[in-house]
Amino acid sequence: MTDSFVHLHVHTEYSMLDGASRVDDLMRTAAEQGMPAMAMTDHGQMFGALDFYKAGLRHGVKPIIGCELYMAPGSRFTKGTRGPAGDETMFSGGGRSGKVEPYYHLIVLATDAVGYRNLMRLSSRAYLEGYWYKPRADKELLAEYADGLVCLSGCLGSEVNQLLLSGDREAALAAAAAHRDIFGADNYFIELQDHGIDGQRRTNPDLIQIARDLGVGLVATNDSHYTTRADHDAHDALLCIQTGSLKSDTDRFKFHGDQHYVKTADEMRALFPDHPEAWRNTVEIAERCELEIDFGTHHLPRFTVPAGWAAAGVLRLVHERAAHVGRGVRVELGRPGVQLLVPELAELRGGLDDTRLLGEALGHTAPAPRVGDGIFVRAKRLCPVRIRAVAAASSERPPAKSARPAESG
């Protein structure tokens, strides 16, 4: 198995308008090639994680859940600039053309349930706190959520490679050292790629030396964006759709060559014959990834009430606030904690007539049109006691301020 290979940098159809590989096709290809595992590393999000995981189980290939994070150059809270095409301050020599982006790329992989949860938190907070053209994380977030994760240094769009391409090797070494210190030397790997791109051939010797200087491992990846070599042209058309370009445009965003596919183990070994540890480490990393996702248990988040309050008491306060805004909410309680959670779920689905009033009273949601009846149906299935909330018009005057409810538990 040590002479096999595992793809650890793979984009699926969930890398919107950038990845052309369907999840099931990827896992089928990995199984046909005798690969023991495969990772999913879509851009900035994990939307395809469960589909990918289930596809792996169907085809007998271990699914590794990861993400290619967008990293802010500094703080995720700092907004930058987006340079014009031809500006070489970022993504220089990458075999691609297009706008210069205010972020770097970094690969992280979940090794267990802790890492999976941390990866979800990283992705979510990148959206909530660091969004600037893309959902961006930063080193502060990496340090907070490093447990259970393996980090790969990234493609030519990574911080390390971009610094190397700019001629600043010391800064590149410092950037790699910072990632090593965050994840630990055993969990940080310098990523080698070779798609026939000049920038990669310029940076790979420096990357190998940086790995030696820092005492970290090398890992070979192929930054797959389509499944077979024959899919290159279709993927190129997909990029044109993404950017609103024509294939005949000479200055559009595009990939160099036709090598970003799921190569066989023999093809990957042939790229780095002098560094067998780079492809053997792909298997070693895969063996460390033992994430098991439980589909037989409902995983509702817990609604946290303020200290000294009980869920039923908070719901009573909801009644008062609902009357204050001119509407009444009549609630039959089965599990108050679930009832309080429902408005948050409703917000994600656009709001329902009954849940919307609870949400408004709690300050969670704004009025929204009715879009379906899934939220309470799900809540009823989850609770042994039926939960029912009925919105009713109310002309009650705002109630007098009441003392804090005294319930406990």
Protein backbone atom coordinates (compact mmCIF):
# COMPACT_ATOMS: atom_id res chain seq x y z
CA MET A 1 0.00 0.00 0.00
CA THR A 2 2.94 2.35 0.58
CA ASP A 3 3.61 2.32 -3.17
CA SER A 4 0.05 3.33 -3.94
CA PHE A 5 -1.08 6.93 -4.14
CA VAL A 6 -3.92 9.01 -2.71
CA HIS A 7 -5.14 12.23 -4.29
CA LEU A 8 -5.30 14.83 -1.50
CA HIS A 9 -6.04 17.95 -3.58
CA VAL A 10 -9.26 17.36 -5.50
CA HIS A 11 -12.02 19.70 -6.63
CA THR A 12 -15.50 18.32 -7.20
CA GLU A 13 -18.56 19.73 -8.90
CA TYR A 14 -19.14 21.63 -5.64
CA SER A 15 -16.27 23.99 -6.51
CA MET A 16 -18.84 25.97 -8.41
CA LEU A 17 -18.01 26.66 -12.08
CA ASP A 18 -14.41 25.61 -11.36
CA GLY A 19 -14.58 21.89 -10.61
CA ALA A 20 -15.97 19.62 -13.32
CA SER A 21 -15.68 16.25 -11.54
CA ARG A 22 -18.90 14.66 -10.37
CA VAL A 23 -18.54 13.11 -6.93
CA ASP A 24 -19.60 9.61 -7.94
CA ASP A 25 -17.31 9.63 -11.00
CA LEU A 26 -14.36 10.58 -8.80
CA MET A 27 -14.89 7.74 -6.38
CA ARG A 28 -15.54 5.25 -9.18
CA THR A 29 -12.27 6.31 -10.84
CA ALA A 30 -10.35 5.97 -7.58
CA ALA A 31 -11.79 2.48 -7.05
CA GLU A 32 -10.95 1.43 -10.61
CA GLN A 33 -7.38 2.64 -10.14
CA GLY A 34 -7.02 0.73 -6.87
CA MET A 35 -6.57 3.84 -4.74
CA PRO A 36 -7.42 3.28 -1.07
CA ALA A 37 -8.71 6.81 -0.41
CA MET A 38 -9.39 10.21 -1.91
CA ALA A 39 -9.79 13.70 -0.47
CA MET A 40 -12.29 16.40 -1.33
CA THR A 41 -10.83 19.93 -1.16
CA ASP A 42 -13.35 22.30 -2.69
CA HIS A 43 -12.79 26.03 -2.66
CA GLY A 44 -13.70 27.71 0.63
CA GLN A 45 -16.64 25.47 1.58
CA MET A 46 -17.80 21.93 2.39
CA PHE A 47 -21.13 21.81 0.57
CA GLY A 48 -20.35 18.44 -1.02
CA ALA A 49 -18.94 16.74 2.09
CA LEU A 50 -21.81 14.33 2.76
CA ASP A 51 -22.32 13.41 -0.89
CA PHE A 52 -18.60 12.76 -1.20
CA TYR A 53 -18.51 10.72 2.01
CA LYS A 54 -21.43 8.53 0.94
CA ALA A 55 -19.98 8.04 -2.54
CA GLY A 56 -16.75 6.82 -0.98
CA LEU A 57 -18.62 4.28 1.11
CA ARG A 58 -20.50 3.04 -1.99
CA HIS A 59 -17.30 2.47 -3.95
CA GLY A 60 -15.12 1.17 -1.11
CA VAL A 61 -12.79 4.17 -1.15
CA LYS A 62 -12.05 6.00 2.10
CA PRO A 63 -13.43 9.55 1.84
CA ILE A 64 -11.24 12.29 3.31
CA ILE A 65 -13.06 15.56 3.98
CA GLY A 66 -11.02 18.68 3.43
CA CYS A 67 -11.14 22.17 2.04
CA GLU A 68 -8.97 24.52 0.04
CA LEU A 69 -9.27 27.55 2.25
CA TYR A 70 -9.00 31.10 1.00
CA MET A 71 -6.52 32.82 3.28
CA ALA A 72 -6.44 36.57 3.85
CA PRO A 73 -2.93 38.04 3.42
CA GLY A 74 -3.26 39.54 6.91
CA SER A 75 -6.35 39.74 9.09
CA ARG A 76 -9.61 38.31 7.76
CA PHE A 77 -11.29 41.52 8.90
CA THR A 78 -9.16 43.69 6.61
CA LYS A 79 -10.58 44.37 3.16
CA GLY A 80 -8.04 44.60 0.39
CA THR A 81 -8.04 45.47 -3.28
CA ARG A 82 -8.65 43.40 -6.36
CA GLY A 83 -6.00 44.14 -8.95
CA PRO A 84 -6.54 44.21 -12.71
CA ALA A 85 -5.49 41.46 -15.08
CA GLY A 86 -1.75 41.56 -15.59
CA ASP A 87 -0.98 42.83 -12.09
CA GLU A 88 1.72 40.47 -10.81
CA THR A 89 1.48 41.23 -7.09
CA MET A 90 -0.34 37.93 -6.47
CA PHE A 91 -0.77 34.66 -8.36
CA SER A 92 2.20 35.43 -10.57
CA GLY A 93 3.64 32.65 -12.71
CA GLY A 94 0.67 30.45 -11.99
CA GLY A 95 -0.10 29.32 -15.50
CA ARG A 96 -3.38 31.23 -15.23
CA SER A 97 -4.46 34.64 -16.35
CA GLY A 98 -7.15 36.93 -14.98
CA LYS A 99 -7.71 39.26 -12.06
CA VAL A 100 -5.32 39.34 -9.13
CA GLU A 101 -7.13 38.13 -6.02
CA PRO A 102 -6.82 39.36 -2.40
CA TYR A 103 -6.29 35.90 -0.90
CA TYR A 104 -4.01 32.86 -0.88
CA HIS A 105 -4.85 29.14 -1.02
CA LEU A 106 -4.24 26.55 1.71
CA ILE A 107 -5.29 22.89 1.99
CA VAL A 108 -6.63 21.44 5.26
CA LEU A 109 -7.85 17.86 5.81
CA ALA A 110 -9.89 16.45 8.69
CA THR A 111 -8.35 13.41 10.37
CA ASP A 112 -11.20 12.74 12.82
CA ALA A 113 -14.48 14.09 14.19
CA VAL A 114 -12.70 16.90 16.04
CA GLY A 115 -11.01 17.99 12.82
CA TYR A 116 -14.29 17.75 10.91
CA ARG A 117 -16.03 20.05 13.39
CA ASN A 118 -13.08 22.44 13.34
CA LEU A 119 -13.10 22.46 9.55
CA MET A 120 -16.79 23.38 9.57
CA ARG A 121 -16.09 26.19 12.01
CA LEU A 122 -13.20 27.47 9.89
CA SER A 123 -15.32 27.52 6.76
CA SER A 124 -18.30 29.14 8.50
CA ARG A 125 -16.32 31.87 10.20
CA ALA A 126 -14.48 32.60 6.97
CA TYR A 127 -17.89 33.37 5.44
CA LEU A 128 -19.22 35.29 8.44
CA GLU A 129 -16.12 37.29 9.35
CA GLY A 130 -13.70 37.30 6.43
CA TYR A 131 -15.79 37.56 3.29
CA TRP A 132 -14.16 39.78 0.68
CA TYR A 133 -14.87 38.41 -2.79
CA LYS A 134 -14.28 35.00 -1.21
CA PRO A 135 -14.75 33.57 2.32
CA ARG A 136 -11.31 34.14 3.86
CA ALA A 137 -9.78 32.65 6.97
CA ASP A 138 -6.52 33.83 8.55
CA LYS A 139 -3.76 32.47 10.77
CA GLU A 140 -5.67 33.45 13.91
CA LEU A 141 -8.54 31.15 12.93
CA LEU A 142 -6.13 28.39 11.93
CA ALA A 143 -4.53 28.51 15.37
CA GLU A 144 -7.95 28.35 17.05
CA TYR A 145 -9.14 25.34 15.06
CA ALA A 146 -5.95 23.40 14.25
CA ASP A 147 -6.81 20.28 16.27
CA GLY A 148 -7.61 17.25 14.16
CA LEU A 149 -6.39 18.84 10.94
CA VAL A 150 -3.53 18.13 8.54
CA CYS A 151 -2.34 21.10 6.49
CA LEU A 152 -0.73 21.06 3.02
CA SER A 153 1.12 24.17 1.91
CA GLY A 154 -0.98 24.62 -1.23
CA CYS A 155 -0.72 25.23 -4.96
CA LEU A 156 0.95 28.10 -6.81
CA GLY A 157 -1.73 30.35 -5.34
CA SER A 158 -0.47 29.65 -1.81
CA GLU A 159 1.34 32.20 0.32
CA VAL A 160 4.57 30.20 0.29
CA ASN A 161 4.64 29.83 -3.49
CA GLN A 162 3.68 33.41 -4.19
CA LEU A 163 6.50 34.65 -1.99
CA LEU A 164 8.91 32.34 -3.76
CA LEU A 165 7.76 33.60 -7.15
CA SER A 166 8.32 37.17 -5.99
CA GLY A 167 11.91 36.26 -5.11
CA ASP A 168 11.53 36.49 -1.31
CA ARG A 169 12.68 33.08 -0.13
CA GLU A 170 13.16 34.16 3.49
CA ALA A 171 9.58 35.37 3.71
CA ALA A 172 8.41 32.11 2.12
CA LEU A 173 10.37 30.15 4.72
CA ALA A 174 8.83 32.25 7.49
CA ALA A 175 5.30 31.70 6.13
CA ALA A 176 5.83 27.94 6.00
CA ALA A 177 7.31 28.00 9.50
CA ALA A 178 4.24 29.82 10.80
CA HIS A 179 1.97 27.08 9.42
CA ARG A 180 4.23 24.38 10.84
CA ASP A 181 4.07 26.01 14.26
CA ILE A 182 0.27 26.23 14.10
CA PHE A 183 -0.37 22.61 13.06
CA GLY A 184 2.77 20.92 14.33
CA ALA A 185 5.62 19.43 12.30
CA ASP A 186 3.84 16.08 11.94
CA ASN A 187 0.69 17.72 10.58
CA TYR A 188 2.16 20.14 8.06
CA PHE A 189 3.42 19.07 4.64
CA ILE A 190 5.03 20.99 1.79
CA GLU A 191 3.00 20.37 -1.36
CA LEU A 192 4.69 19.55 -4.69
CA GLN A 193 2.87 19.79 -8.02
CA ASP A 194 3.97 19.46 -11.64
CA HIS A 195 1.51 20.30 -14.41
CA GLY A 196 4.24 21.44 -16.76
CA ILE A 197 3.86 25.01 -15.50
CA ASP A 198 6.98 27.15 -15.43
CA GLY A 199 6.13 28.58 -12.01
CA GLN A 200 6.02 25.11 -10.47
CA ARG A 201 9.39 24.15 -11.92
CA ARG A 202 10.82 27.37 -10.49
CA THR A 203 9.41 26.87 -7.00
CA ASN A 204 9.68 23.08 -6.48
CA PRO A 205 13.44 23.06 -5.71
CA ASP A 206 12.92 25.79 -3.11
CA LEU A 207 9.93 23.95 -1.64
CA ILE A 208 11.99 20.79 -1.21
CA GLN A 209 14.70 22.77 0.57
CA ILE A 210 12.14 24.53 2.80
CA ALA A 211 10.77 21.14 3.85
CA ARG A 212 14.29 20.07 4.82
CA ASP A 213 14.98 23.31 6.66
CA LEU A 214 11.78 23.03 8.68
CA GLY A 215 11.87 19.28 9.27
CA VAL A 216 8.49 18.64 7.66
CA GLY A 217 7.35 16.16 5.03
CA LEU A 218 6.76 16.51 1.31
CA VAL A 219 3.51 15.51 -0.35
CA ALA A 220 2.72 15.21 -4.06
CA THR A 221 -0.68 16.39 -5.33
CA ASN A 222 -2.24 17.08 -8.71
CA ASP A 223 -4.84 19.81 -8.02
CA SER A 224 -7.50 17.84 -9.89
CA HIS A 225 -10.36 19.88 -11.38
CA TYR A 226 -11.70 17.27 -13.82
CA THR A 227 -11.74 13.49 -13.76
CA THR A 228 -10.04 12.43 -17.00
CA ARG A 229 -7.65 14.12 -19.35
CA ALA A 230 -10.36 14.11 -22.02
CA ASP A 231 -12.47 16.39 -19.78
CA HIS A 232 -10.03 19.27 -20.16
CA ASP A 233 -11.92 20.99 -22.97
CA ALA A 234 -15.26 20.76 -21.17
CA HIS A 235 -13.63 22.19 -18.04
CA ASP A 236 -12.22 25.06 -20.08
CA ALA A 237 -15.73 25.84 -21.31
CA LEU A 238 -16.91 25.76 -17.69
CA LEU A 239 -14.34 28.42 -16.80
CA CYS A 240 -15.66 30.57 -19.65
CA ILE A 241 -19.15 30.34 -18.14
CA GLN A 242 -17.71 31.33 -14.75
CA THR A 243 -16.01 34.43 -16.12
CA GLY A 244 -18.45 35.37 -18.89
CA SER A 245 -15.73 34.88 -21.47
CA LEU A 246 -15.36 33.28 -24.89
CA LYS A 247 -12.92 30.48 -25.53
CA SER A 248 -11.42 32.66 -28.24
CA ASP A 249 -10.57 35.42 -25.73
CA THR A 250 -6.82 35.63 -25.29
CA ASP A 251 -6.70 37.30 -21.87
CA ARG A 252 -9.33 35.24 -20.04
CA PHE A 253 -8.94 33.10 -16.92
CA LYS A 254 -7.77 29.61 -17.90
CA PHE A 255 -5.61 26.70 -16.80
CA HIS A 256 -2.30 25.85 -18.33
CA GLY A 257 -2.35 22.56 -20.24
CA ASP A 258 -4.51 19.47 -19.73
CA GLN A 259 -2.90 17.90 -16.65
CA HIS A 260 -5.37 18.79 -13.87
CA TYR A 261 -7.08 15.38 -13.86
CA VAL A 262 -7.14 12.31 -11.60
CA LYS A 263 -3.84 10.73 -12.58
CA THR A 264 -2.96 7.14 -11.84
CA ALA A 265 -0.50 6.19 -9.12
CA ASP A 266 2.09 5.37 -11.79
CA GLU A 267 1.67 8.80 -13.38
CA MET A 268 2.08 10.55 -10.04
CA ARG A 269 5.15 8.52 -9.09
CA ALA A 270 6.70 9.34 -12.46
CA LEU A 271 6.43 13.07 -11.71
CA PHE A 272 8.64 12.85 -8.63
CA PRO A 273 10.90 9.79 -9.05
CA ASP A 274 13.64 11.33 -6.89
CA HIS A 275 11.30 11.99 -3.97
CA PRO A 276 9.35 8.78 -3.25
CA GLU A 277 8.44 10.14 0.19
CA ALA A 278 6.25 12.74 -1.53
CA TRP A 279 3.84 10.13 -2.87
CA ARG A 280 4.25 7.67 0.00
CA ASN A 281 3.22 10.41 2.40
CA THR A 282 -0.14 10.66 0.60
CA VAL A 283 -0.92 7.13 1.80
CA GLU A 284 0.45 7.83 5.28
CA ILE A 285 -1.83 10.87 5.60
CA ALA A 286 -4.80 8.88 4.33
CA GLU A 287 -4.18 6.18 6.93
CA ARG A 288 -4.32 8.82 9.65
CA CYS A 289 -7.72 10.07 8.48
CA GLU A 290 -10.37 8.05 10.32
CA LEU A 291 -13.43 10.27 10.20
CA GLU A 292 -16.71 8.43 10.73
CA ILE A 293 -19.92 10.39 10.17
CA ASP A 294 -22.96 9.09 12.03
CA PHE A 295 -26.08 9.26 9.88
CA GLY A 296 -28.27 7.44 12.40
CA THR A 297 -28.39 10.25 14.98
CA HIS A 298 -30.04 13.65 14.72
CA HIS A 299 -27.49 16.38 15.35
CA LEU A 300 -29.54 19.40 16.36
CA PRO A 301 -27.51 22.14 18.03
CA ARG A 302 -28.35 22.97 21.63
CA PHE A 303 -30.16 26.25 22.24
CA THR A 304 -28.29 27.97 25.07
CA VAL A 305 -30.46 30.06 27.39
CA PRO A 306 -29.03 32.75 29.69
CA ALA A 307 -27.79 31.70 33.12
CA GLY A 308 -30.63 31.42 35.60
CA TRP A 309 -33.27 30.86 32.93
CA ALA A 310 -35.09 27.76 31.77
CA ALA A 311 -36.18 27.16 28.18
CA ALA A 312 -39.85 27.33 29.17
CA GLY A 313 -39.23 30.66 30.85
CA VAL A 314 -37.58 32.05 27.75
CA LEU A 315 -40.58 30.95 25.70
CA ARG A 316 -42.87 32.78 28.10
CA LEU A 317 -40.83 35.91 27.49
CA VAL A 318 -41.25 35.25 23.76
CA HIS A 319 -45.02 35.49 24.26
CA GLU A 320 -44.63 38.87 25.87
CA ARG A 321 -42.36 40.21 23.13
CA ALA A 322 -44.66 38.85 20.44
CA ALA A 323 -47.57 40.72 22.01
CA HIS A 324 -45.38 43.81 22.20
CA VAL A 325 -44.92 43.76 18.41
CA GLY A 326 -48.68 43.34 17.98
CA ARG A 327 -48.93 39.59 17.49
CA GLY A 328 -49.60 36.67 19.78
CA VAL A 329 -47.95 33.27 19.64
CA ARG A 330 -49.76 30.30 21.12
CA VAL A 331 -47.37 27.42 21.86
CA GLU A 332 -47.89 23.85 23.00
CA LEU A 333 -44.64 22.79 24.61
CA GLY A 334 -43.08 19.39 24.10
CA ARG A 335 -39.41 20.30 24.32
CA PRO A 336 -38.91 24.04 24.84
CA GLY A 337 -35.27 23.86 23.73
CA VAL A 338 -36.28 22.50 20.34
CA GLN A 339 -39.06 25.06 20.09
CA LEU A 340 -36.54 27.86 20.62
CA LEU A 341 -34.25 26.33 18.01
CA VAL A 342 -36.91 26.24 15.30
CA PRO A 343 -36.75 29.98 14.43
CA GLU A 344 -33.04 29.65 13.75
CA LEU A 345 -33.71 26.77 11.37
CA ALA A 346 -36.51 28.74 9.78
CA GLU A 347 -34.14 31.59 9.08
CA LEU A 348 -31.99 29.26 7.00
CA ARG A 349 -35.01 28.21 4.90
CA GLY A 350 -36.47 31.68 4.38
CA GLY A 351 -39.01 31.64 7.23
CA LEU A 352 -42.40 29.98 7.73
CA ASP A 353 -45.64 31.62 8.80
CA ASP A 354 -45.66 30.06 12.26
CA THR A 355 -41.92 29.93 12.94
CA ARG A 356 -41.48 33.44 11.59
CA LEU A 357 -43.45 34.96 14.48
CA LEU A 358 -41.32 33.15 17.03
CA GLY A 359 -38.24 34.32 15.18
CA GLU A 360 -39.37 37.93 15.12
CA ALA A 361 -40.14 37.80 18.82
CA LEU A 362 -36.69 36.43 19.55
CA GLY A 363 -35.10 38.91 17.18
CA HIS A 364 -33.78 36.08 14.99
CA THR A 365 -35.62 36.60 11.72
CA ALA A 366 -37.17 39.29 9.60
CA PRO A 367 -40.60 38.78 8.02
CA ALA A 368 -40.28 36.46 5.04
CA PRO A 369 -42.70 34.78 2.63
CA ARG A 370 -43.91 31.26 3.19
CA VAL A 371 -41.64 28.84 1.34
CA GLY A 372 -42.79 25.43 2.50
CA ASP A 373 -43.63 23.34 5.54
CA GLY A 374 -40.43 21.44 6.21
CA ILE A 375 -39.24 22.98 9.47
CA PHE A 376 -42.07 22.00 11.77
CA VAL A 377 -42.49 18.67 10.04
CA ARG A 378 -38.86 17.95 10.93
CA ALA A 379 -39.32 19.23 14.46
CA LYS A 380 -42.34 16.97 14.94
CA ARG A 381 -40.35 13.95 13.80
CA LEU A 382 -37.54 14.80 16.20
CA CYS A 383 -39.76 15.26 19.27
CA PRO A 384 -41.74 12.48 20.93
CA VAL A 385 -44.31 15.11 21.93
CA ARG A 386 -45.83 17.04 19.04
CA ILE A 387 -44.80 20.68 18.98
CA ARG A 388 -47.32 23.05 17.53
CA ALA A 389 -47.18 26.81 17.22
CA VAL A 390 -50.16 28.71 15.85
CA ALA A 391 -49.92 32.36 14.89
CA ALA A 392 -52.93 34.42 15.84
CA ALA A 393 -53.75 38.05 15.36
CA SER A 394 -53.56 39.95 18.61
CA SER A 395 -54.53 43.45 19.57
CA GLU A 396 -53.15 43.23 23.09
CA ARG A 397 -51.37 46.27 24.42
CA PRO A 398 -47.68 45.83 25.26
CA PRO A 399 -47.50 44.02 28.61
CA ALA A 400 -45.93 45.51 31.70
CA LYS A 401 -42.36 44.48 32.33
CA SER A 402 -42.31 41.27 34.33
CA ALA A 403 -39.73 39.76 36.64
CA ARG A 404 -37.36 37.17 35.31
CA PRO A 405 -38.99 33.71 35.25
CA ALA A 406 -37.89 31.58 38.16
CA GLU A 407 -37.86 28.16 36.47
CA SER A 408 -34.66 26.18 36.61
CA GLY A 409 -33.28 23.14 34.92
